Amino acid sequence: MTIRNNITAALTSAFVLLAPLAAEAQQEAFMAADKNGDTKLDSSEFKTFIDGLAASGNPMATKIKGAGRYGLAFGRIDKDKNGLLTPAELSALK
């Protein structure tokens, strides 16, 4: 299995995030935001991720973006407080 397939497999199980968008759109937004390809999002990558979801019409992402509450959302999702969001942390939002 290639690295990309491994990433896709991990993200597939993780993305029921922020509901109405299809998992595929969420995966695409995640992969587009994950600039260094480490399958984790730092706060800057998270902003790109949320902006991508908002552009796709995701209501929760639109709220976060509209309120400028990226930091608050990031902090709530980052359960281990290491400054990185994993697919597992994102999937915990189900």
Foldseek 3Di string as FASTA:
>chain_A
DDPVVVLVVLQLVLPCFLHDDDSVQLSVLLVVLPVVSPQKHALSSQLSSLVSVVVVPRPVSVVCVVVVVSVVVQVVLPVVPPRIHHSNSRSVND
